Each structure stands twice: as structure tokens, then as C-alpha cells.
C-alpha atoms as a PDB file:
ATOM      1  CA  MET A   1      78.129 134.902  99.151  1.00  0.00           C
ATOM      2  CA  SER A   2      81.416 133.106  98.492  1.00  0.00           C
ATOM      3  CA  ASN A   3      84.525 133.953 100.428  1.00  0.00           C
ATOM      4  CA  PRO A   4      86.833 135.898  98.052  1.00  0.00           C
ATOM      5  CA  THR A   5      89.913 134.584  99.869  1.00  0.00           C
ATOM      6  CA  LEU A   6      88.927 130.926  99.531  1.00  0.00           C
ATOM      7  CA  ARG A   7      91.700 128.873  97.952  1.00  0.00           C
ATOM      8  CA  GLY A   8      90.708 127.411  94.625  1.00  0.00           C
ATOM      9  CA  GLU A   9      87.892 129.887  93.871  1.00  0.00           C
ATOM     10  CA  PHE A  10      87.303 129.843  90.106  1.00  0.00           C
ATOM     11  CA  THR A  11      87.906 133.100  88.248  1.00  0.00           C
ATOM     12  CA  GLY A  12      88.734 131.774  84.767  1.00  0.00           C
ATOM     13  CA  GLN A  13      86.949 131.158  81.480  1.00  0.00           C
ATOM     14  CA  ASP A  14      83.458 129.635  81.607  1.00  0.00           C
ATOM     15  CA  ASP A  15      83.800 127.456  78.508  1.00  0.00           C
ATOM     16  CA  ALA A  16      86.916 125.661  79.752  1.00  0.00           C
ATOM     17  CA  GLY A  17      86.889 122.090  80.983  1.00  0.00           C
ATOM     18  CA  THR A  18      86.956 121.030  84.626  1.00  0.00           C
ATOM     19  CA  LEU A  19      90.011 119.599  86.348  1.00  0.00           C
ATOM     20  CA  PHE A  20      89.297 116.682  88.674  1.00  0.00           C
ATOM     21  CA  GLY A  21      91.920 115.743  91.252  1.00  0.00           C
ATOM     22  CA  VAL A  22      91.060 112.134  92.009  1.00  0.00           C
ATOM     23  CA  GLY A  23      92.377 110.224  95.024  1.00  0.00           C
ATOM     24  CA  LEU A  24      92.993 106.552  94.249  1.00  0.00           C
ATOM     25  CA  GLY A  25      93.649 105.203  97.735  1.00  0.00           C
ATOM     26  CA  PRO A  26      96.752 103.334  98.909  1.00  0.00           C
ATOM     27  CA  GLY A  27      97.124 100.879  96.033  1.00  0.00           C
ATOM     28  CA  ALA A  28      94.456  98.188  95.931  1.00  0.00           C
ATOM     29  CA  PRO A  29      92.214  98.998  92.943  1.00  0.00           C
ATOM     30  CA  ASP A  30      89.068  97.987  94.847  1.00  0.00           C
ATOM     31  CA  LEU A  31      89.700 100.820  97.330  1.00  0.00           C
ATOM     32  CA  ILE A  32      89.043 103.417  94.622  1.00  0.00           C
ATOM     33  CA  THR A  33      85.803 105.212  95.497  1.00  0.00           C
ATOM     34  CA  LEU A  34      82.759 104.932  93.245  1.00  0.00           C
ATOM     35  CA  ARG A  35      82.943 108.647  92.446  1.00  0.00           C
ATOM     36  CA  ALA A  36      86.580 108.380  91.404  1.00  0.00           C
ATOM     37  CA  ALA A  37      85.922 105.267  89.311  1.00  0.00           C
ATOM     38  CA  ARG A  38      83.058 106.918  87.429  1.00  0.00           C
ATOM     39  CA  LEU A  39      85.149 109.967  86.603  1.00  0.00           C
ATOM     40  CA  ILE A  40      88.055 107.872  85.352  1.00  0.00           C
ATOM     41  CA  GLU A  41      85.828 105.631  83.226  1.00  0.00           C
ATOM     42  CA  ARG A  42      84.410 108.564  81.254  1.00  0.00           C
ATOM     43  CA  ALA A  43      87.564 110.693  81.109  1.00  0.00           C
ATOM     44  CA  ASP A  44      88.725 112.235  77.820  1.00  0.00           C
ATOM     45  CA  VAL A  45      92.079 113.216  79.311  1.00  0.00           C
ATOM     46  CA  ILE A  46      93.967 111.468  82.109  1.00  0.00           C
ATOM     47  CA  ALA A  47      96.988 113.025  83.840  1.00  0.00           C
ATOM     48  CA  TYR A  48      99.260 111.314  86.358  1.00  0.00           C
ATOM     49  CA  PRO A  49     102.751 111.518  87.849  1.00  0.00           C
ATOM     50  CA  THR A  50     105.527 109.127  86.933  1.00  0.00           C
ATOM     51  CA  LEU A  51     108.702 108.677  88.931  1.00  0.00           C
ATOM     52  CA  ALA A  52     111.985 109.536  87.238  1.00  0.00           C
ATOM     53  CA  GLY A  53     111.121 107.995  83.888  1.00  0.00           C
ATOM     54  CA  GLY A  54     109.631 104.846  85.399  1.00  0.00           C
ATOM     55  CA  ALA A  55     106.123 103.478  85.453  1.00  0.00           C
ATOM     56  CA  SER A  56     103.334 105.398  87.167  1.00  0.00           C
ATOM     57  CA  PHE A  57     102.060 103.843  90.390  1.00  0.00           C
ATOM     58  CA  ALA A  58      98.958 106.035  90.167  1.00  0.00           C
ATOM     59  CA  ARG A  59      98.196 104.830  86.645  1.00  0.00           C
ATOM     60  CA  SER A  60      98.713 101.194  87.638  1.00  0.00           C
ATOM     61  CA  ILE A  61      96.038 101.489  90.346  1.00  0.00           C
ATOM     62  CA  ALA A  62      93.450 102.824  87.888  1.00  0.00           C
ATOM     63  CA  ALA A  63      94.630 100.985  84.770  1.00  0.00           C
ATOM     64  CA  ASP A  64      91.507  98.844  84.317  1.00  0.00           C
ATOM     65  CA  LEU A  65      89.285 101.944  84.403  1.00  0.00           C
ATOM     66  CA  ILE A  66      91.108 104.173  81.892  1.00  0.00           C
ATOM     67  CA  PRO A  67      89.283 104.384  78.543  1.00  0.00           C
ATOM     68  CA  SER A  68      91.306 103.104  75.600  1.00  0.00           C
ATOM     69  CA  GLY A  69      90.914 106.371  73.683  1.00  0.00           C
ATOM     70  CA  ALA A  70      91.814 108.744  76.495  1.00  0.00           C
ATOM     71  CA  LEU A  71      94.643 111.207  75.988  1.00  0.00           C
ATOM     72  CA  GLU A  72      97.277 110.583  78.659  1.00  0.00           C
ATOM     73  CA  ILE A  73      99.519 113.256  80.182  1.00  0.00           C
ATOM     74  CA  ALA A  74     102.453 111.767  82.093  1.00  0.00           C
ATOM     75  CA  MET A  75     104.253 114.139  84.450  1.00  0.00           C
ATOM     76  CA  ASP A  76     107.762 112.804  84.998  1.00  0.00           C
ATOM     77  CA  VAL A  77     108.729 113.915  88.506  1.00  0.00           C
ATOM     78  CA  PRO A  78     112.393 113.383  89.508  1.00  0.00           C
ATOM     79  CA  MET A  79     113.053 111.854  92.927  1.00  0.00           C
ATOM     80  CA  SER A  80     115.375 114.499  94.318  1.00  0.00           C
ATOM     81  CA  VAL A  81     115.806 116.461  97.527  1.00  0.00           C
ATOM     82  CA  GLU A  82     116.201 119.548  95.340  1.00  0.00           C
ATOM     83  CA  ARG A  83     112.814 121.159  94.709  1.00  0.00           C
ATOM     84  CA  ALA A  84     113.558 122.811  91.364  1.00  0.00           C
ATOM     85  CA  PRO A  85     113.466 119.681  89.130  1.00  0.00           C
ATOM     86  CA  ALA A  86     110.104 118.556  90.548  1.00  0.00           C
ATOM     87  CA  GLN A  87     108.688 122.078  90.267  1.00  0.00           C
ATOM     88  CA  ALA A  88     109.720 122.179  86.608  1.00  0.00           C
ATOM     89  CA  ALA A  89     107.986 118.839  86.018  1.00  0.00           C
ATOM     90  CA  TYR A  90     104.755 120.118  87.561  1.00  0.00           C
ATOM     91  CA  ASP A  91     105.035 123.332  85.522  1.00  0.00           C
ATOM     92  CA  LYS A  92     105.297 121.290  82.327  1.00  0.00           C
ATOM     93  CA  GLY A  93     102.434 119.005  83.329  1.00  0.00           C
ATOM     94  CA  ALA A  94     100.256 121.972  84.248  1.00  0.00           C
ATOM     95  CA  SER A  95     100.838 123.576  80.846  1.00  0.00           C
ATOM     96  CA  GLN A  96      99.715 120.377  79.099  1.00  0.00           C
ATOM     97  CA  ILE A  97      96.627 120.186  81.313  1.00  0.00           C
ATOM     98  CA  VAL A  98      95.867 123.851  80.556  1.00  0.00           C
ATOM     99  CA  ALA A  99      95.865 123.146  76.830  1.00  0.00           C
ATOM    100  CA  ALA A 100      93.257 120.405  77.299  1.00  0.00           C
ATOM    101  CA  LEU A 101      91.110 122.508  79.637  1.00  0.00           C
ATOM    102  CA  LYS A 102      91.135 125.500  77.298  1.00  0.00           C
ATOM    103  CA  SER A 103      89.904 123.261  74.488  1.00  0.00           C
ATOM    104  CA  GLY A 104      86.869 122.436  76.631  1.00  0.00           C
ATOM    105  CA  GLN A 105      87.993 118.971  77.712  1.00  0.00           C
ATOM    106  CA  ASP A 106      87.720 117.787  81.299  1.00  0.00           C
ATOM    107  CA  VAL A 107      90.933 116.407  82.791  1.00  0.00           C
ATOM    108  CA  VAL A 108      91.093 113.702  85.464  1.00  0.00           C
ATOM    109  CA  CYS A 109      94.371 113.898  87.370  1.00  0.00           C
ATOM    110  CA  LEU A 110      95.201 110.697  89.246  1.00  0.00           C
ATOM    111  CA  CYS A 111      96.789 110.822  92.682  1.00  0.00           C
ATOM    112  CA  GLU A 112      97.771 107.986  95.005  1.00  0.00           C
ATOM    113  CA  GLY A 113      96.139 108.153  98.404  1.00  0.00           C
ATOM    114  CA  ASP A 114      94.303 111.430  98.981  1.00  0.00           C
ATOM    115  CA  PRO A 115      95.024 114.509  96.821  1.00  0.00           C
ATOM    116  CA  PHE A 116      95.379 116.866  99.780  1.00  0.00           C
ATOM    117  CA  PHE A 117      97.222 114.557 102.185  1.00  0.00           C
ATOM    118  CA  TYR A 118     100.850 114.533 101.023  1.00  0.00           C
ATOM    119  CA  GLY A 119      99.345 114.127  97.543  1.00  0.00           C
ATOM    120  CA  SER A 120     101.037 115.081  94.277  1.00  0.00           C
ATOM    121  CA  PHE A 121      97.864 116.741  92.996  1.00  0.00           C
ATOM    122  CA  MET A 122      98.199 119.673  95.402  1.00  0.00           C
ATOM    123  CA  TYR A 123     101.049 121.016  93.244  1.00  0.00           C
ATOM    124  CA  ILE A 124      98.802 121.083  90.166  1.00  0.00           C
ATOM    125  CA  PHE A 125      95.988 122.547  92.264  1.00  0.00           C
ATOM    126  CA  ALA A 126      98.240 125.396  93.391  1.00  0.00           C
ATOM    127  CA  ARG A 127      99.039 126.256  89.767  1.00  0.00           C
ATOM    128  CA  LEU A 128      95.573 126.020  88.246  1.00  0.00           C
ATOM    129  CA  SER A 129      92.821 126.330  90.854  1.00  0.00           C
ATOM    130  CA  ASN A 130      92.314 130.082  90.392  1.00  0.00           C
ATOM    131  CA  ARG A 131      92.145 129.788  86.615  1.00  0.00           C
ATOM    132  CA  PHE A 132      89.918 126.745  86.086  1.00  0.00           C
ATOM    133  CA  ARG A 133      87.125 124.878  87.790  1.00  0.00           C
ATOM    134  CA  VAL A 134      88.645 122.224  90.028  1.00  0.00           C
ATOM    135  CA  GLU A 135      86.909 119.419  91.891  1.00  0.00           C
ATOM    136  CA  VAL A 136      88.863 117.313  94.396  1.00  0.00           C
ATOM    137  CA  VAL A 137      87.725 113.751  95.031  1.00  0.00           C
ATOM    138  CA  PRO A 138      89.123 112.435  98.334  1.00  0.00           C
ATOM    139  CA  GLY A 139      90.679 109.000  98.585  1.00  0.00           C
ATOM    140  CA  VAL A 140      91.507 106.465 101.275  1.00  0.00           C
ATOM    141  CA  THR A 141      94.735 107.643 102.897  1.00  0.00           C
ATOM    142  CA  SER A 142      97.758 105.449 103.479  1.00  0.00           C
ATOM    143  CA  VAL A 143      97.442 106.256 107.195  1.00  0.00           C
ATOM    144  CA  THR A 144      93.977 104.756 107.512  1.00  0.00           C
ATOM    145  CA  ALA A 145      94.882 101.859 105.235  1.00  0.00           C
ATOM    146  CA  CYS A 146      97.951 100.965 107.309  1.00  0.00           C
ATOM    147  CA  ALA A 147      96.005 101.212 110.569  1.00  0.00           C
ATOM    148  CA  ALA A 148      93.336  98.906 109.157  1.00  0.00           C
ATOM    149  CA  ARG A 149      95.847  96.350 107.892  1.00  0.00           C
ATOM    150  CA  ALA A 150      97.721  96.418 111.224  1.00  0.00           C
ATOM    151  CA  GLY A 151      94.488  96.135 113.233  1.00  0.00           C
ATOM    152  CA  MET A 152      95.650  99.176 115.166  1.00  0.00           C
ATOM    153  CA  PRO A 153      93.187 101.939 116.149  1.00  0.00           C
ATOM    154  CA  LEU A 154      95.087 105.212 116.207  1.00  0.00           C
ATOM    155  CA  ALA A 155      92.948 107.664 118.179  1.00  0.00           C
ATOM    156  CA  ALA A 156      89.850 107.599 120.362  1.00  0.00           C
ATOM    157  CA  ARG A 157      87.941 110.085 122.492  1.00  0.00           C
ATOM    158  CA  ASN A 158      90.199 113.088 123.079  1.00  0.00           C
ATOM    159  CA  GLU A 159      93.477 111.485 122.019  1.00  0.00           C
ATOM    160  CA  ARG A 160      95.736 113.360 119.640  1.00  0.00           C
ATOM    161  CA  LEU A 161      97.305 111.830 116.542  1.00  0.00           C
ATOM    162  CA  SER A 162     100.623 113.186 115.248  1.00  0.00           C
ATOM    163  CA  VAL A 163     101.690 112.567 111.646  1.00  0.00           C
ATOM    164  CA  LEU A 164     105.418 112.996 111.101  1.00  0.00           C
ATOM    165  CA  PRO A 165     107.530 112.746 107.925  1.00  0.00           C
ATOM    166  CA  GLY A 166     110.486 110.379 108.219  1.00  0.00           C
ATOM    167  CA  PRO A 167     113.044 112.817 106.749  1.00  0.00           C
ATOM    168  CA  LEU A 168     112.837 115.015 109.877  1.00  0.00           C
ATOM    169  CA  PRO A 169     116.137 115.200 111.826  1.00  0.00           C
ATOM    170  CA  ALA A 170     116.545 112.594 114.559  1.00  0.00           C
ATOM    171  CA  GLU A 171     116.446 115.233 117.305  1.00  0.00           C
ATOM    172  CA  GLU A 172     113.116 116.611 116.099  1.00  0.00           C
ATOM    173  CA  LEU A 173     111.606 113.150 115.690  1.00  0.00           C
ATOM    174  CA  HIS A 174     112.710 112.316 119.222  1.00  0.00           C
ATOM    175  CA  ALA A 175     111.063 115.431 120.678  1.00  0.00           C
ATOM    176  CA  ARG A 176     107.837 115.099 118.711  1.00  0.00           C
ATOM    177  CA  ILE A 177     107.383 111.391 119.444  1.00  0.00           C
ATOM    178  CA  ALA A 178     108.164 111.949 123.119  1.00  0.00           C
ATOM    179  CA  GLY A 179     105.386 114.537 123.338  1.00  0.00           C
ATOM    180  CA  ALA A 180     102.785 112.618 121.335  1.00  0.00           C
ATOM    181  CA  GLU A 181     100.086 110.095 122.237  1.00  0.00           C
ATOM    182  CA  SER A 182      99.740 108.263 118.934  1.00  0.00           C
ATOM    183  CA  VAL A 183     102.177 108.676 116.059  1.00  0.00           C
ATOM    184  CA  VAL A 184     102.252 107.896 112.356  1.00  0.00           C
ATOM    185  CA  ILE A 185     105.634 108.228 110.648  1.00  0.00           C
ATOM    186  CA  MET A 186     105.390 108.438 106.863  1.00  0.00           C
ATOM    187  CA  LYS A 187     107.979 108.397 104.078  1.00  0.00           C
ATOM    188  CA  VAL A 188     110.115 105.948 106.021  1.00  0.00           C
ATOM    189  CA  GLY A 189     112.226 104.614 103.148  1.00  0.00           C
ATOM    190  CA  ARG A 190     115.932 105.271 103.579  1.00  0.00           C
ATOM    191  CA  HIS A 191     115.290 106.842 107.002  1.00  0.00           C
ATOM    192  CA  LEU A 192     114.296 103.563 108.663  1.00  0.00           C
ATOM    193  CA  THR A 193     117.561 103.065 110.579  1.00  0.00           C
ATOM    194  CA  LYS A 194     117.396 106.571 112.037  1.00  0.00           C
ATOM    195  CA  ILE A 195     113.717 106.265 112.983  1.00  0.00           C
ATOM    196  CA  ARG A 196     114.176 102.848 114.560  1.00  0.00           C
ATOM    197  CA  ALA A 197     117.062 104.176 116.680  1.00  0.00           C
ATOM    198  CA  VAL A 198     114.933 107.092 117.899  1.00  0.00           C
ATOM    199  CA  ILE A 199     112.025 104.848 118.869  1.00  0.00           C
ATOM    200  CA  ASP A 200     114.354 102.393 120.590  1.00  0.00           C
ATOM    201  CA  ASP A 201     115.991 105.216 122.541  1.00  0.00           C
ATOM    202  CA  LEU A 202     112.535 106.285 123.759  1.00  0.00           C
ATOM    203  CA  GLY A 203     111.814 102.735 124.952  1.00  0.00           C
ATOM    204  CA  LEU A 204     108.831 102.417 122.616  1.00  0.00           C
ATOM    205  CA  MET A 205     109.958  99.624 120.305  1.00  0.00           C
ATOM    206  CA  GLU A 206     107.317  97.217 121.605  1.00  0.00           C
ATOM    207  CA  ARG A 207     104.572  99.765 120.812  1.00  0.00           C
ATOM    208  CA  ALA A 208     105.559 100.283 117.170  1.00  0.00           C
ATOM    209  CA  VAL A 209     104.355  98.497 114.025  1.00  0.00           C
ATOM    210  CA  TYR A 210     105.955  98.617 110.578  1.00  0.00           C
ATOM    211  CA  VAL A 211     103.748  98.473 107.461  1.00  0.00           C
ATOM    212  CA  GLU A 212     105.089  98.224 103.931  1.00  0.00           C
ATOM    213  CA  ARG A 213     103.082  98.540 100.691  1.00  0.00           C
ATOM    214  CA  ALA A 214      99.725  98.383 102.487  1.00  0.00           C
ATOM    215  CA  THR A 215      96.864  96.682 100.567  1.00  0.00           C
ATOM    216  CA  LEU A 216      99.190  95.460  97.794  1.00  0.00           C
ATOM    217  CA  PRO A 217     100.256  91.838  97.177  1.00  0.00           C
ATOM    218  CA  GLN A 218     103.759  92.666  98.521  1.00  0.00           C
ATOM    219  CA  GLU A 219     102.351  93.984 101.804  1.00  0.00           C
ATOM    220  CA  LYS A 220     104.271  93.440 105.040  1.00  0.00           C
ATOM    221  CA  VAL A 221     102.922  94.129 108.535  1.00  0.00           C
ATOM    222  CA  LEU A 222     105.475  93.490 111.275  1.00  0.00           C
ATOM    223  CA  PRO A 223     106.498  94.632 114.746  1.00  0.00           C
ATOM    224  CA  LEU A 224     109.074  97.343 114.156  1.00  0.00           C
ATOM    225  CA  LYS A 225     111.705  95.259 115.915  1.00  0.00           C
ATOM    226  CA  ASP A 226     111.274  92.604 113.200  1.00  0.00           C
ATOM    227  CA  ALA A 227     111.216  95.010 110.247  1.00  0.00           C
ATOM    228  CA  PRO A 228     113.779  94.618 107.444  1.00  0.00           C
ATOM    229  CA  GLN A 229     116.927  96.700 107.411  1.00  0.00           C
ATOM    230  CA  GLU A 230     115.833  98.565 104.284  1.00  0.00           C
ATOM    231  CA  ALA A 231     112.401  99.991 103.560  1.00  0.00           C
ATOM    232  CA  PRO A 232     110.738 101.210 100.355  1.00  0.00           C
ATOM    233  CA  TYR A 233     109.301 104.715 100.034  1.00  0.00           C
ATOM    234  CA  PHE A 234     105.790 103.308 100.550  1.00  0.00           C
ATOM    235  CA  SER A 235     106.296 102.260 104.148  1.00  0.00           C
ATOM    236  CA  MET A 236     105.036 103.573 107.452  1.00  0.00           C
ATOM    237  CA  ILE A 237     105.467 103.182 111.214  1.00  0.00           C
ATOM    238  CA  LEU A 238     102.507 103.316 113.601  1.00  0.00           C
ATOM    239  CA  LEU A 239     103.014 103.845 117.309  1.00  0.00           C
ATOM    240  CA  THR A 240     100.582 104.189 120.209  1.00  0.00           C
ATOM    241  CA  LYS A 241     101.580 104.781 123.807  1.00  0.00           C
ATOM    242  CA  GLY A 242      98.522 104.605 126.016  1.00  0.00           C
ATOM    243  CA  ALA A 243      96.112 101.899 127.111  1.00  0.00           C
ATOM    244  CA  ASP A 244      93.346 100.871 124.720  1.00  0.00           C
ATOM    245  CA  PRO A 245      90.683 103.557 125.353  1.00  0.00           C
ATOM    246  CA  TRP A 246      88.129 101.921 123.037  1.00  0.00           C
ATOM    247  CA  LEU A 247      87.773  98.889 125.298  1.00  0.00           C
END
């Protein structure tokens, strides 16, 4: 018997289409999984986020797989610290997806990385998962991609891995990094100066690696001490403290 409290349990109309939340991986098109590729190739409707009126990174990853006749739903999500504009964009996108699902069409919603790991699809999932059938297709995360490109194992045996968002206040970053064994700091972007100062204050600069646009042609992998002064949104810092336990 199914658990009635399970998130995403379908309670809607049986003749509606299915919504697929498809993880695309960190950027390189050949890191799209076979399952994701097959869904995209036969999609009638494709949905994806765009950033403040610009091009869609998610769409660019899957561009060669999208059928020429597919209906495309672009969700224009403003880049703002205020939540309301982004919530309104997801509301609008969800309503367009609903119209397609109610007509019996399946919808493939593209998401960079993994849909449930800081992924944009989780906001559509929260709006629609109790009304329509939803299938989530996991993708390669930016964390694992950056670790692979840096040649940097993150956790072994009983080690703990902490994943921290860069926008956290400096004091909280300091405390969390100090108490961690291995650390991934995501969403570095405009917070790079603050994060670098925290890591330097902890005496861990030599243990930290900076990765920018992992798996893409513009990729950079550098010791944090040699990182540029400004970082794009798609950048990350990896840090390990202990000896190499896999040796």
C-alpha cells in the first residue's frame, strides 16, 4: 500500500499527460543520461527556465535533442534576491504546463544538474506533483562534476561532506567550514571575495580548489589562491581537510 503522506503522490485525472523533470547534468551535452535523452527526443512539449529574458542554459545543453516540432514553454525567471518575482514566473510556467498536461500531452521539463539538488524543477514539482503524474529523472550534479574535473575525491569511509551555499553570512560560513571534514561551496558568484577571506582566515587556502563552468569549453580549475577576482554564478569551491583516506 502506498504511503498517503508521500510527496508527489498522484491524485489527479487519469487521462492527463505525464510531467517529466529531467536532469541534464552540469553542461556538457554528452553527460545527459540515456533516459533523459530518450525522453527529450520524443517530447511533444518541452519546458525550461530562462534567466531574466536571456537564453536558456538548460535548453542549450539539450538543443540537439529537441524535436523540431515540439511546443516550447520558456519560464522567464528573474535573478533577484526577492522571492516573489521568481515565484510568479514559476506560477505562470506551471499554468502553461497544466494546459498541456490536461490536453493529454506529456511535458518534459529541462533542469540543469539534478532536479532535486538545488534544481529549478523542484518549484514546478511542488506546484503540480499532487495533481499530475510526475517522473523525476536524476542528472549528474555539479558537485560530482567539479570533483571529477578537479581530480579531488570528496568523501571516503565515514567522512562527512558538507554542502554550503555561498550567500550564507561570513560568520556562518566560518563556523560551518571549521566544523566540517570536506566542504563544497556552491553559488559562489559575487560572494567569492567573502568566501576566500573566510577560508584564508581558517588557514585552509592551500586545501581549496576553485572550479568554474565545469565540463564546458570555458572551464577553469585552479587553486583557490589563484582564482580570479570575480566569479560567475556557475562556480564552486571544493575543500578537504584530512589526509587521503582512499590511499
